[in-house]
Amino acid sequence: MIAINDAFMIESAIYLILKKHFRTHPAYVDFIELFHEVTWQTELGQLCDLITAPEDDVNLDNFDMTKYTFIVFERCRVSPSKSQLACFHIFHTHSFPVQ
């Protein structure tokens, strides 16, 4: 249970950091939406893994090419490099107003 709580705390920290450093940035909402999407897609990929092969009852007969393709697609759709590029793009397409 501690590991589950740790995961929630790390996810919450992401949004606290975004709020602290980017709240006034014109693309703040875009950053929040990006991180929500990345979190969702990561959790979906993890769920697919867990459903296909539960730790207490691994049955490879439940595993087929369709499930494999789906898991690979979900896991690769949100690679760290894609997330970094999306953040870079969002940040540089919006600029802070000059004061």
C-alpha atoms as a PDB file:
ATOM      1  CA  MET A   1       0.000   0.000   0.000  1.00  0.00           C
ATOM      2  CA  ILE A   2       2.888   2.373   0.626  1.00  0.00           C
ATOM      3  CA  ALA A   3       4.006   2.014  -2.993  1.00  0.00           C
ATOM      4  CA  ILE A   4       0.538   2.992  -4.212  1.00  0.00           C
ATOM      5  CA  ASN A   5       0.569   6.056  -1.974  1.00  0.00           C
ATOM      6  CA  ASP A   6       4.071   6.939  -3.217  1.00  0.00           C
ATOM      7  CA  ALA A   7       2.850   6.798  -6.814  1.00  0.00           C
ATOM      8  CA  PHE A   8      -0.017   9.175  -6.029  1.00  0.00           C
ATOM      9  CA  MET A   9       2.346  11.554  -4.245  1.00  0.00           C
ATOM     10  CA  ILE A  10       4.764  11.601  -7.196  1.00  0.00           C
ATOM     11  CA  GLU A  11       1.913  12.287  -9.614  1.00  0.00           C
ATOM     12  CA  SER A  12       0.622  15.086  -7.375  1.00  0.00           C
ATOM     13  CA  ALA A  13       4.110  16.563  -7.174  1.00  0.00           C
ATOM     14  CA  ILE A  14       4.167  16.930 -10.957  1.00  0.00           C
ATOM     15  CA  TYR A  15       1.152  19.224 -10.829  1.00  0.00           C
ATOM     16  CA  LEU A  16       2.509  21.182  -7.853  1.00  0.00           C
ATOM     17  CA  ILE A  17       5.754  21.809  -9.747  1.00  0.00           C
ATOM     18  CA  LEU A  18       3.851  22.875 -12.864  1.00  0.00           C
ATOM     19  CA  LYS A  19       1.710  25.220 -10.790  1.00  0.00           C
ATOM     20  CA  LYS A  20       4.694  26.720  -8.973  1.00  0.00           C
ATOM     21  CA  HIS A  21       6.803  27.375 -12.070  1.00  0.00           C
ATOM     22  CA  PHE A  22       4.339  27.761 -14.956  1.00  0.00           C
ATOM     23  CA  ARG A  23       1.064  29.085 -13.540  1.00  0.00           C
ATOM     24  CA  THR A  24       1.523  32.411 -15.330  1.00  0.00           C
ATOM     25  CA  HIS A  25       2.765  30.852 -18.561  1.00  0.00           C
ATOM     26  CA  PRO A  26       0.285  31.192 -21.443  1.00  0.00           C
ATOM     27  CA  ALA A  27       0.522  27.440 -22.088  1.00  0.00           C
ATOM     28  CA  TYR A  28      -0.120  26.352 -18.483  1.00  0.00           C
ATOM     29  CA  VAL A  29      -3.353  24.574 -19.398  1.00  0.00           C
ATOM     30  CA  ASP A  30      -1.585  22.823 -22.294  1.00  0.00           C
ATOM     31  CA  PHE A  31       1.085  21.536 -19.888  1.00  0.00           C
ATOM     32  CA  ILE A  32      -1.557  20.246 -17.469  1.00  0.00           C
ATOM     33  CA  GLU A  33      -3.459  18.513 -20.271  1.00  0.00           C
ATOM     34  CA  LEU A  34      -0.255  16.958 -21.620  1.00  0.00           C
ATOM     35  CA  PHE A  35       0.685  15.507 -18.252  1.00  0.00           C
ATOM     36  CA  HIS A  36      -2.866  14.222 -17.676  1.00  0.00           C
ATOM     37  CA  GLU A  37      -2.752  12.491 -21.073  1.00  0.00           C
ATOM     38  CA  VAL A  38       0.681  10.974 -20.403  1.00  0.00           C
ATOM     39  CA  THR A  39      -0.479   9.710 -17.008  1.00  0.00           C
ATOM     40  CA  TRP A  40      -3.632   8.196 -18.502  1.00  0.00           C
ATOM     41  CA  GLN A  41      -1.790   6.438 -21.312  1.00  0.00           C
ATOM     42  CA  THR A  42       0.876   5.100 -18.933  1.00  0.00           C
ATOM     43  CA  GLU A  43      -1.764   3.722 -16.565  1.00  0.00           C
ATOM     44  CA  LEU A  44      -3.650   2.158 -19.482  1.00  0.00           C
ATOM     45  CA  GLY A  45      -0.500   0.369 -20.656  1.00  0.00           C
ATOM     46  CA  GLN A  46       0.189  -0.857 -17.123  1.00  0.00           C
ATOM     47  CA  LEU A  47      -3.390  -2.113 -16.792  1.00  0.00           C
ATOM     48  CA  CYS A  48      -3.049  -4.057 -20.048  1.00  0.00           C
ATOM     49  CA  ASP A  49       0.073  -5.749 -18.693  1.00  0.00           C
ATOM     50  CA  LEU A  50      -1.629  -6.647 -15.423  1.00  0.00           C
ATOM     51  CA  ILE A  51      -4.779  -7.980 -17.070  1.00  0.00           C
ATOM     52  CA  THR A  52      -2.828 -10.095 -19.544  1.00  0.00           C
ATOM     53  CA  ALA A  53      -0.558 -11.714 -16.977  1.00  0.00           C
ATOM     54  CA  PRO A  54      -1.685 -11.305 -13.349  1.00  0.00           C
ATOM     55  CA  GLU A  55       1.218 -11.983 -10.985  1.00  0.00           C
ATOM     56  CA  ASP A  56      -0.596 -14.754  -9.105  1.00  0.00           C
ATOM     57  CA  ASP A  57      -1.926 -16.588 -12.174  1.00  0.00           C
ATOM     58  CA  VAL A  58       0.245 -16.310 -15.273  1.00  0.00           C
ATOM     59  CA  ASN A  59      -1.534 -18.058 -18.138  1.00  0.00           C
ATOM     60  CA  LEU A  60       0.073 -17.416 -21.488  1.00  0.00           C
ATOM     61  CA  ASP A  61      -2.978 -18.859 -23.252  1.00  0.00           C
ATOM     62  CA  ASN A  62      -4.669 -15.521 -22.483  1.00  0.00           C
ATOM     63  CA  PHE A  63      -1.932 -13.746 -24.396  1.00  0.00           C
ATOM     64  CA  ASP A  64      -2.368 -13.343 -28.151  1.00  0.00           C
ATOM     65  CA  MET A  65      -0.995 -11.130 -30.922  1.00  0.00           C
ATOM     66  CA  THR A  66      -3.895  -8.669 -30.626  1.00  0.00           C
ATOM     67  CA  LYS A  67      -3.193  -8.069 -26.934  1.00  0.00           C
ATOM     68  CA  TYR A  68       0.540  -7.871 -27.615  1.00  0.00           C
ATOM     69  CA  THR A  69       0.020  -5.272 -30.347  1.00  0.00           C
ATOM     70  CA  PHE A  70      -2.287  -3.243 -28.118  1.00  0.00           C
ATOM     71  CA  ILE A  71       0.194  -3.277 -25.216  1.00  0.00           C
ATOM     72  CA  VAL A  72       3.109  -2.321 -27.470  1.00  0.00           C
ATOM     73  CA  PHE A  73       1.077   0.491 -29.031  1.00  0.00           C
ATOM     74  CA  GLU A  74      -0.025   1.885 -25.648  1.00  0.00           C
ATOM     75  CA  ARG A  75       3.463   1.610 -24.144  1.00  0.00           C
ATOM     76  CA  CYS A  76       5.231   3.198 -27.111  1.00  0.00           C
ATOM     77  CA  ARG A  77       2.662   5.920 -27.667  1.00  0.00           C
ATOM     78  CA  VAL A  78       3.945   7.820 -24.638  1.00  0.00           C
ATOM     79  CA  SER A  79       7.686   7.507 -24.693  1.00  0.00           C
ATOM     80  CA  PRO A  80       9.702   9.961 -22.599  1.00  0.00           C
ATOM     81  CA  SER A  81      11.154  11.531 -25.732  1.00  0.00           C
ATOM     82  CA  LYS A  82       7.680  12.234 -27.164  1.00  0.00           C
ATOM     83  CA  SER A  83       6.621  13.854 -23.892  1.00  0.00           C
ATOM     84  CA  GLN A  84       9.751  15.981 -23.805  1.00  0.00           C
ATOM     85  CA  LEU A  85       9.241  17.087 -27.391  1.00  0.00           C
ATOM     86  CA  ALA A  86       5.626  17.979 -26.671  1.00  0.00           C
ATOM     87  CA  CYS A  87       6.680  20.077 -23.646  1.00  0.00           C
ATOM     88  CA  PHE A  88       9.368  21.786 -25.712  1.00  0.00           C
ATOM     89  CA  HIS A  89       6.881  22.540 -28.485  1.00  0.00           C
ATOM     90  CA  ILE A  90       4.255  23.909 -26.087  1.00  0.00           C
ATOM     91  CA  PHE A  91       6.783  26.030 -24.219  1.00  0.00           C
ATOM     92  CA  HIS A  92       8.298  27.557 -27.336  1.00  0.00           C
ATOM     93  CA  THR A  93       5.059  28.218 -29.199  1.00  0.00           C
ATOM     94  CA  HIS A  94       3.889  30.391 -26.292  1.00  0.00           C
ATOM     95  CA  SER A  95       6.055  33.130 -24.908  1.00  0.00           C
ATOM     96  CA  PHE A  96       5.912  35.076 -21.691  1.00  0.00           C
ATOM     97  CA  PRO A  97       4.635  38.617 -22.134  1.00  0.00           C
ATOM     98  CA  VAL A  98       7.392  41.214 -21.968  1.00  0.00           C
ATOM     99  CA  GLN A  99       6.955  43.493 -18.968  1.00  0.00           C
END
